C-alpha atoms as a PDB file:
ATOM      1  CA  MET A   1     -60.854  -7.064  18.255  1.00  0.00           C
ATOM      2  CA  ARG A   2     -60.347  -8.371  21.692  1.00  0.00           C
ATOM      3  CA  ASP A   3     -56.975  -7.052  22.110  1.00  0.00           C
ATOM      4  CA  ASP A   4     -58.003  -3.323  20.899  1.00  0.00           C
ATOM      5  CA  PHE A   5     -61.131  -3.497  23.487  1.00  0.00           C
ATOM      6  CA  LEU A   6     -59.106  -4.593  26.234  1.00  0.00           C
ATOM      7  CA  ARG A   7     -56.602  -1.947  25.646  1.00  0.00           C
ATOM      8  CA  ARG A   8     -58.563   1.421  25.326  1.00  0.00           C
ATOM      9  CA  SER A   9     -59.698   3.617  27.900  1.00  0.00           C
ATOM     10  CA  VAL A  10     -63.037   2.310  29.828  1.00  0.00           C
ATOM     11  CA  ASP A  11     -65.487   4.169  27.787  1.00  0.00           C
ATOM     12  CA  TYR A  12     -67.542   1.183  26.236  1.00  0.00           C
ATOM     13  CA  GLY A  13     -70.586   2.593  25.932  1.00  0.00           C
ATOM     14  CA  ALA A  14     -72.225   5.574  27.045  1.00  0.00           C
ATOM     15  CA  ARG A  15     -73.621   7.661  30.266  1.00  0.00           C
ATOM     16  CA  ALA A  16     -77.176   7.934  31.410  1.00  0.00           C
ATOM     17  CA  ARG A  17     -78.555   9.086  34.243  1.00  0.00           C
ATOM     18  CA  LEU A  18     -80.516   6.393  36.236  1.00  0.00           C
ATOM     19  CA  VAL A  19     -84.254   7.141  36.629  1.00  0.00           C
ATOM     20  CA  VAL A  20     -87.203   4.829  38.147  1.00  0.00           C
ATOM     21  CA  GLY A  21     -90.051   3.932  36.284  1.00  0.00           C
ATOM     22  CA  ARG A  22     -92.627   1.338  36.711  1.00  0.00           C
ATOM     23  CA  LEU A  23     -91.530  -1.533  33.860  1.00  0.00           C
ATOM     24  CA  ARG A  24     -94.885  -3.791  31.917  1.00  0.00           C
ATOM     25  CA  ASP A  25     -94.287  -7.119  31.216  1.00  0.00           C
ATOM     26  CA  ARG A  26     -94.422  -8.530  27.950  1.00  0.00           C
ATOM     27  CA  ALA A  27     -98.278  -8.930  28.617  1.00  0.00           C
ATOM     28  CA  GLU A  28     -98.489  -5.209  29.107  1.00  0.00           C
ATOM     29  CA  ASN A  29    -100.018  -5.753  32.759  1.00  0.00           C
ATOM     30  CA  ASP A  30     -98.959  -3.907  35.864  1.00  0.00           C
ATOM     31  CA  ALA A  31     -99.062  -7.043  37.651  1.00  0.00           C
ATOM     32  CA  GLY A  32     -95.698  -8.019  37.509  1.00  0.00           C
ATOM     33  CA  THR A  33     -92.184  -6.460  36.834  1.00  0.00           C
ATOM     34  CA  ASP A  34     -88.716  -7.843  35.745  1.00  0.00           C
ATOM     35  CA  PRO A  35     -85.961  -6.248  38.119  1.00  0.00           C
ATOM     36  CA  SER A  36     -83.391  -7.469  35.549  1.00  0.00           C
ATOM     37  CA  THR A  37     -84.959  -5.403  32.965  1.00  0.00           C
ATOM     38  CA  VAL A  38     -83.960  -1.651  32.021  1.00  0.00           C
ATOM     39  CA  THR A  39     -85.239   0.689  29.338  1.00  0.00           C
ATOM     40  CA  LEU A  40     -82.913   2.996  27.574  1.00  0.00           C
ATOM     41  CA  GLY A  41     -83.279   5.139  24.487  1.00  0.00           C
ATOM     42  CA  ARG A  42     -83.417   3.742  21.072  1.00  0.00           C
ATOM     43  CA  ASP A  43     -80.543   5.231  19.543  1.00  0.00           C
ATOM     44  CA  LEU A  44     -78.019   4.228  22.519  1.00  0.00           C
ATOM     45  CA  ALA A  45     -79.652   0.636  22.238  1.00  0.00           C
ATOM     46  CA  LEU A  46     -78.717   0.876  18.835  1.00  0.00           C
ATOM     47  CA  CYS A  47     -75.009   2.447  19.438  1.00  0.00           C
ATOM     48  CA  LEU A  48     -74.672  -0.435  22.188  1.00  0.00           C
ATOM     49  CA  LEU A  49     -75.948  -3.636  20.534  1.00  0.00           C
ATOM     50  CA  GLU A  50     -74.761  -2.559  17.125  1.00  0.00           C
ATOM     51  CA  PRO A  51     -72.470  -5.794  17.115  1.00  0.00           C
ATOM     52  CA  HIS A  52     -75.682  -8.188  17.731  1.00  0.00           C
ATOM     53  CA  LEU A  53     -77.944  -6.102  15.504  1.00  0.00           C
ATOM     54  CA  ALA A  54     -75.655  -6.525  12.465  1.00  0.00           C
ATOM     55  CA  HIS A  55     -75.463 -10.328  12.564  1.00  0.00           C
ATOM     56  CA  ALA A  56     -79.102 -10.200  13.081  1.00  0.00           C
ATOM     57  CA  LEU A  57     -79.675  -8.281   9.852  1.00  0.00           C
ATOM     58  CA  ALA A  58     -77.081 -10.548   7.870  1.00  0.00           C
ATOM     59  CA  SER A  59     -79.160 -13.594   9.064  1.00  0.00           C
ATOM     60  CA  SER A  60     -82.302 -12.250   8.272  1.00  0.00           C
ATOM     61  CA  GLY A  61     -80.957 -11.495   4.749  1.00  0.00           C
ATOM     62  CA  ALA A  62     -81.431  -7.925   4.693  1.00  0.00           C
ATOM     63  CA  VAL A  63     -77.403  -7.566   4.189  1.00  0.00           C
ATOM     64  CA  GLU A  64     -75.279 -10.036   2.666  1.00  0.00           C
ATOM     65  CA  TRP A  65     -72.490  -9.536   5.288  1.00  0.00           C
ATOM     66  CA  PRO A  66     -72.665  -7.968   8.686  1.00  0.00           C
ATOM     67  CA  ARG A  67     -70.568  -4.865   7.849  1.00  0.00           C
ATOM     68  CA  SER A  68     -72.682  -4.079   5.456  1.00  0.00           C
ATOM     69  CA  ALA A  69     -75.228  -3.211   7.848  1.00  0.00           C
ATOM     70  CA  HIS A  70     -73.757  -0.496   9.677  1.00  0.00           C
ATOM     71  CA  SER A  71     -75.781   1.854   7.287  1.00  0.00           C
ATOM     72  CA  MET A  72     -79.087   0.408   8.048  1.00  0.00           C
ATOM     73  CA  ILE A  73     -78.790   0.863  11.648  1.00  0.00           C
ATOM     74  CA  GLU A  74     -77.404   4.530  11.199  1.00  0.00           C
ATOM     75  CA  ASN A  75     -80.091   5.226   9.047  1.00  0.00           C
ATOM     76  CA  ARG A  76     -82.815   3.651  11.467  1.00  0.00           C
ATOM     77  CA  SER A  77     -84.185   1.582   8.748  1.00  0.00           C
ATOM     78  CA  GLU A  78     -87.110  -0.420   9.486  1.00  0.00           C
ATOM     79  CA  GLU A  79     -85.572  -3.998   9.055  1.00  0.00           C
ATOM     80  CA  ALA A  80     -83.044  -2.625  12.111  1.00  0.00           C
ATOM     81  CA  LEU A  81     -85.603  -1.001  14.328  1.00  0.00           C
ATOM     82  CA  ARG A  82     -87.796  -4.147  13.935  1.00  0.00           C
ATOM     83  CA  LEU A  83     -84.845  -6.666  14.710  1.00  0.00           C
ATOM     84  CA  LEU A  84     -83.496  -4.265  17.519  1.00  0.00           C
ATOM     85  CA  ASP A  85     -86.490  -5.829  20.073  1.00  0.00           C
ATOM     86  CA  THR A  86     -85.495  -9.193  19.208  1.00  0.00           C
ATOM     87  CA  VAL A  87     -81.481  -8.771  19.655  1.00  0.00           C
ATOM     88  CA  CYS A  88     -82.743  -6.658  23.281  1.00  0.00           C
ATOM     89  CA  GLU A  89     -84.310 -10.252  24.135  1.00  0.00           C
ATOM     90  CA  ARG A  90     -81.379 -12.106  23.922  1.00  0.00           C
ATOM     91  CA  SER A  91     -78.653  -9.859  25.082  1.00  0.00           C
ATOM     92  CA  LEU A  92     -76.912  -8.336  28.207  1.00  0.00           C
ATOM     93  CA  ILE A  93     -75.649  -4.929  29.144  1.00  0.00           C
ATOM     94  CA  LEU A  94     -73.179  -4.316  31.554  1.00  0.00           C
ATOM     95  CA  VAL A  95     -74.148  -1.319  33.906  1.00  0.00           C
ATOM     96  CA  ALA A  96     -71.847   0.175  36.623  1.00  0.00           C
ATOM     97  CA  PHE A  97     -73.233   1.714  39.494  1.00  0.00           C
ATOM     98  CA  PRO A  98     -71.316   4.671  41.275  1.00  0.00           C
ATOM     99  CA  TYR A  99     -72.472   3.595  44.975  1.00  0.00           C
ATOM    100  CA  GLY A 100     -73.428   0.659  46.877  1.00  0.00           C
ATOM    101  CA  PRO A 101     -72.383  -3.103  47.549  1.00  0.00           C
ATOM    102  CA  ARG A 102     -73.295  -4.331  43.750  1.00  0.00           C
ATOM    103  CA  ARG A 103     -71.501  -1.995  41.673  1.00  0.00           C
ATOM    104  CA  LEU A 104     -71.573  -3.739  38.434  1.00  0.00           C
ATOM    105  CA  ILE A 105     -74.337  -6.068  36.988  1.00  0.00           C
ATOM    106  CA  ALA A 106     -75.370  -7.351  33.661  1.00  0.00           C
ATOM    107  CA  LEU A 107     -78.908  -6.331  32.798  1.00  0.00           C
ATOM    108  CA  ARG A 108     -81.245  -7.021  30.182  1.00  0.00           C
ATOM    109  CA  PRO A 109     -82.436  -4.069  28.075  1.00  0.00           C
ATOM    110  CA  ARG A 110     -85.296  -2.586  26.411  1.00  0.00           C
ATOM    111  CA  ALA A 111     -85.374  -0.190  23.690  1.00  0.00           C
ATOM    112  CA  ASP A 112     -87.873   2.971  23.784  1.00  0.00           C
ATOM    113  CA  GLU A 113     -87.705   6.558  23.691  1.00  0.00           C
ATOM    114  CA  THR A 114     -86.554   6.971  27.191  1.00  0.00           C
ATOM    115  CA  PRO A 115     -83.147   9.397  27.533  1.00  0.00           C
ATOM    116  CA  ALA A 116     -82.480   7.477  30.223  1.00  0.00           C
ATOM    117  CA  LEU A 117     -81.536   4.195  31.908  1.00  0.00           C
ATOM    118  CA  ARG A 118     -85.146   3.583  33.609  1.00  0.00           C
ATOM    119  CA  ALA A 119     -85.216   0.918  36.370  1.00  0.00           C
ATOM    120  CA  ALA A 120     -88.059  -0.895  38.268  1.00  0.00           C
ATOM    121  CA  PRO A 121     -88.047   0.218  41.834  1.00  0.00           C
ATOM    122  CA  GLU A 122     -87.182  -3.716  42.891  1.00  0.00           C
ATOM    123  CA  LEU A 123     -83.776  -2.915  41.337  1.00  0.00           C
ATOM    124  CA  LEU A 124     -83.235   0.442  43.375  1.00  0.00           C
ATOM    125  CA  ASP A 125     -83.923  -2.084  46.238  1.00  0.00           C
ATOM    126  CA  VAL A 126     -80.700  -4.123  45.631  1.00  0.00           C
ATOM    127  CA  VAL A 127     -78.272  -1.631  43.927  1.00  0.00           C
ATOM    128  CA  GLY A 128     -79.242   1.197  46.453  1.00  0.00           C
ATOM    129  CA  TRP A 129     -81.463   4.066  46.069  1.00  0.00           C
ATOM    130  CA  GLU A 130     -78.304   6.253  46.414  1.00  0.00           C
ATOM    131  CA  ASN A 131     -77.754   5.875  42.535  1.00  0.00           C
ATOM    132  CA  LEU A 132     -81.035   7.510  41.352  1.00  0.00           C
ATOM    133  CA  GLY A 133     -80.454  10.609  39.706  1.00  0.00           C
ATOM    134  CA  GLU A 134     -76.633   9.791  39.447  1.00  0.00           C
ATOM    135  CA  PRO A 135     -74.781   9.038  35.792  1.00  0.00           C
ATOM    136  CA  VAL A 136     -73.930   5.400  35.428  1.00  0.00           C
ATOM    137  CA  ARG A 137     -71.621   3.648  33.011  1.00  0.00           C
ATOM    138  CA  ILE A 138     -73.465   1.522  30.330  1.00  0.00           C
ATOM    139  CA  PHE A 139     -71.472  -1.080  27.712  1.00  0.00           C
ATOM    140  CA  SER A 140     -72.302  -4.186  26.318  1.00  0.00           C
ATOM    141  CA  VAL A 141     -71.283  -7.385  26.202  1.00  0.00           C
ATOM    142  CA  LEU A 142     -70.261  -7.957  22.964  1.00  0.00           C
ATOM    143  CA  SER A 143     -68.980 -12.025  22.716  1.00  0.00           C
ATOM    144  CA  ASP A 144     -70.880 -15.274  23.352  1.00  0.00           C
ATOM    145  CA  GLU A 145     -68.138 -16.005  25.443  1.00  0.00           C
ATOM    146  CA  ALA A 146     -68.389 -12.734  27.823  1.00  0.00           C
ATOM    147  CA  LEU A 147     -72.091 -13.294  27.737  1.00  0.00           C
ATOM    148  CA  LYS A 148     -71.885 -16.846  29.035  1.00  0.00           C
ATOM    149  CA  GLU A 149     -69.601 -15.524  32.042  1.00  0.00           C
ATOM    150  CA  ALA A 150     -72.016 -12.517  33.056  1.00  0.00           C
ATOM    151  CA  THR A 151     -74.912 -14.603  32.892  1.00  0.00           C
ATOM    152  CA  GLU A 152     -73.044 -16.983  35.435  1.00  0.00           C
ATOM    153  CA  LEU A 153     -71.569 -14.028  37.541  1.00  0.00           C
ATOM    154  CA  LEU A 154     -73.054 -10.837  37.476  1.00  0.00           C
ATOM    155  CA  THR A 155     -76.880 -11.413  37.042  1.00  0.00           C
ATOM    156  CA  LEU A 156     -79.200 -10.052  39.344  1.00  0.00           C
ATOM    157  CA  ASP A 157     -80.089 -13.459  40.399  1.00  0.00           C
ATOM    158  CA  ALA A 158     -76.287 -14.911  40.694  1.00  0.00           C
ATOM    159  CA  LEU A 159     -75.398 -11.438  42.876  1.00  0.00           C
ATOM    160  CA  ARG A 160     -78.347 -11.983  44.897  1.00  0.00           C
ATOM    161  CA  THR A 161     -77.315 -15.441  46.138  1.00  0.00           C
ATOM    162  CA  SER A 162     -73.575 -14.431  46.548  1.00  0.00           C
ATOM    163  CA  PRO A 163     -72.151 -12.029  49.062  1.00  0.00           C
ATOM    164  CA  ALA A 164     -71.243  -8.266  48.175  1.00  0.00           C
ATOM    165  CA  SER A 165     -68.134  -7.401  46.791  1.00  0.00           C
ATOM    166  CA  ARG A 166     -65.594  -5.939  49.486  1.00  0.00           C
ATOM    167  CA  PRO A 167     -64.545  -1.982  48.784  1.00  0.00           C
ATOM    168  CA  PRO A 168     -62.307  -1.703  46.187  1.00  0.00           C
ATOM    169  CA  ARG A 169     -58.385  -2.144  46.957  1.00  0.00           C
ATOM    170  CA  PRO A 170     -56.133   0.826  46.425  1.00  0.00           C
ATOM    171  CA  LYS A 171     -54.624   0.807  42.319  1.00  0.00           C
ATOM    172  CA  THR A 172     -51.672  -1.218  42.130  1.00  0.00           C
ATOM    173  CA  PRO A 173     -49.190  -1.144  39.574  1.00  0.00           C
ATOM    174  CA  GLY A 174     -49.582  -4.522  38.636  1.00  0.00           C
ATOM    175  CA  SER A 175     -52.223  -6.543  36.678  1.00  0.00           C
ATOM    176  CA  PHE A 176     -55.729  -6.204  37.047  1.00  0.00           C
ATOM    177  CA  PHE A 177     -56.010  -9.556  38.274  1.00  0.00           C
ATOM    178  CA  ASP A 178     -53.631  -9.395  41.107  1.00  0.00           C
ATOM    179  CA  LEU A 179     -56.879  -7.845  42.738  1.00  0.00           C
ATOM    180  CA  PRO A 180     -58.862 -10.671  44.912  1.00  0.00           C
ATOM    181  CA  CYS A 181     -62.146 -12.258  43.047  1.00  0.00           C
ATOM    182  CA  ALA A 182     -64.499 -10.590  45.180  1.00  0.00           C
ATOM    183  CA  ASP A 183     -63.041  -7.177  44.577  1.00  0.00           C
ATOM    184  CA  LEU A 184     -63.057  -7.281  40.774  1.00  0.00           C
ATOM    185  CA  PRO A 185     -67.002  -6.129  40.044  1.00  0.00           C
ATOM    186  CA  ALA A 186     -66.339  -3.018  42.334  1.00  0.00           C
ATOM    187  CA  ARG A 187     -63.030  -2.467  40.825  1.00  0.00           C
ATOM    188  CA  LEU A 188     -64.208  -2.800  37.366  1.00  0.00           C
ATOM    189  CA  ALA A 189     -67.058  -0.159  38.408  1.00  0.00           C
ATOM    190  CA  ASP A 190     -64.745   2.207  39.830  1.00  0.00           C
ATOM    191  CA  ALA A 191     -63.066   2.352  36.416  1.00  0.00           C
ATOM    192  CA  ALA A 192     -65.789   2.272  34.037  1.00  0.00           C
ATOM    193  CA  LEU A 193     -67.286   5.350  35.985  1.00  0.00           C
ATOM    194  CA  ALA A 194     -63.929   7.178  36.132  1.00  0.00           C
ATOM    195  CA  GLY A 195     -63.241   6.548  32.307  1.00  0.00           C
ATOM    196  CA  GLU A 196     -59.657   5.275  33.131  1.00  0.00           C
ATOM    197  CA  ALA A 197     -57.641   2.680  31.450  1.00  0.00           C
ATOM    198  CA  LEU A 198     -57.565  -0.844  33.685  1.00  0.00           C
ATOM    199  CA  PRO A 199     -54.021  -2.160  34.499  1.00  0.00           C
ATOM    200  CA  ILE A 200     -54.368  -5.411  31.755  1.00  0.00           C
ATOM    201  CA  ALA A 201     -51.547  -7.230  30.699  1.00  0.00           C
ATOM    202  CA  PRO A 202     -51.018  -8.337  27.171  1.00  0.00           C
ATOM    203  CA  ASP A 203     -51.812 -11.788  28.189  1.00  0.00           C
ATOM    204  CA  ASP A 204     -54.576 -11.585  31.118  1.00  0.00           C
ATOM    205  CA  GLY A 205     -57.401 -12.456  28.400  1.00  0.00           C
ATOM    206  CA  LEU A 206     -60.753 -12.283  29.459  1.00  0.00           C
ATOM    207  CA  LEU A 207     -61.988  -9.398  31.807  1.00  0.00           C
ATOM    208  CA  LEU A 208     -64.803 -11.779  33.074  1.00  0.00           C
ATOM    209  CA  CYS A 209     -63.497 -15.133  33.731  1.00  0.00           C
ATOM    210  CA  ASP A 210     -63.801 -18.215  36.428  1.00  0.00           C
ATOM    211  CA  PRO A 211     -62.557 -17.424  39.791  1.00  0.00           C
ATOM    212  CA  ASP A 212     -60.929 -21.150  39.388  1.00  0.00           C
ATOM    213  CA  TRP A 213     -58.805 -19.997  36.685  1.00  0.00           C
ATOM    214  CA  LEU A 214     -58.070 -16.574  38.396  1.00  0.00           C
ATOM    215  CA  SER A 215     -56.661 -18.758  41.453  1.00  0.00           C
ATOM    216  CA  SER A 216     -54.940 -21.267  39.360  1.00  0.00           C
ATOM    217  CA  ASP A 217     -51.020 -21.724  39.250  1.00  0.00           C
ATOM    218  CA  GLY A 218     -49.062 -19.693  36.620  1.00  0.00           C
ATOM    219  CA  THR A 219     -51.619 -17.181  35.704  1.00  0.00           C
END
């Protein structure tokens, strides 16, 4: 699955326009907002998080095997919709923004009837208000391994404590990992927004990886 995932063109999830809205916290109190949480349409959330939701349906006993959960998700069953909020709480999606110094960010989704990606104003302060109204590329973090790496490298808190990425270098015919580590998020965002394939060699491994591994000998 990983080999197939890495070799196809970068169209992992969907496009949505970025809109701004005031997100309520868990207590439904406007006193506080979480800029790391964004709201997207329920149908889009079901599509992006289907692998996680299928596993949750199997774990709950609603189906015997995760592969049997597809029809429940496709038919918007009551059990699938009930578990969607729980799955959202422990998932991250990667969002590629067309402008700004921080082009790729891992954010926590929340599902409702919003036909766009709705973000708190505080997030726009970080990624740049020039992204407002623009189409962004959304794709999900599918594996536990990638989820851990995204949490450490691409969450809002992690990016706030690290310098902004430099502008992406021109494309090279070599591996995607020939780029300096600081250029990787911007290059990923460019590829995701353009819908192009990434130059990944068969032994390159993960899209998100430890910077020390990138710079070690023989890789």
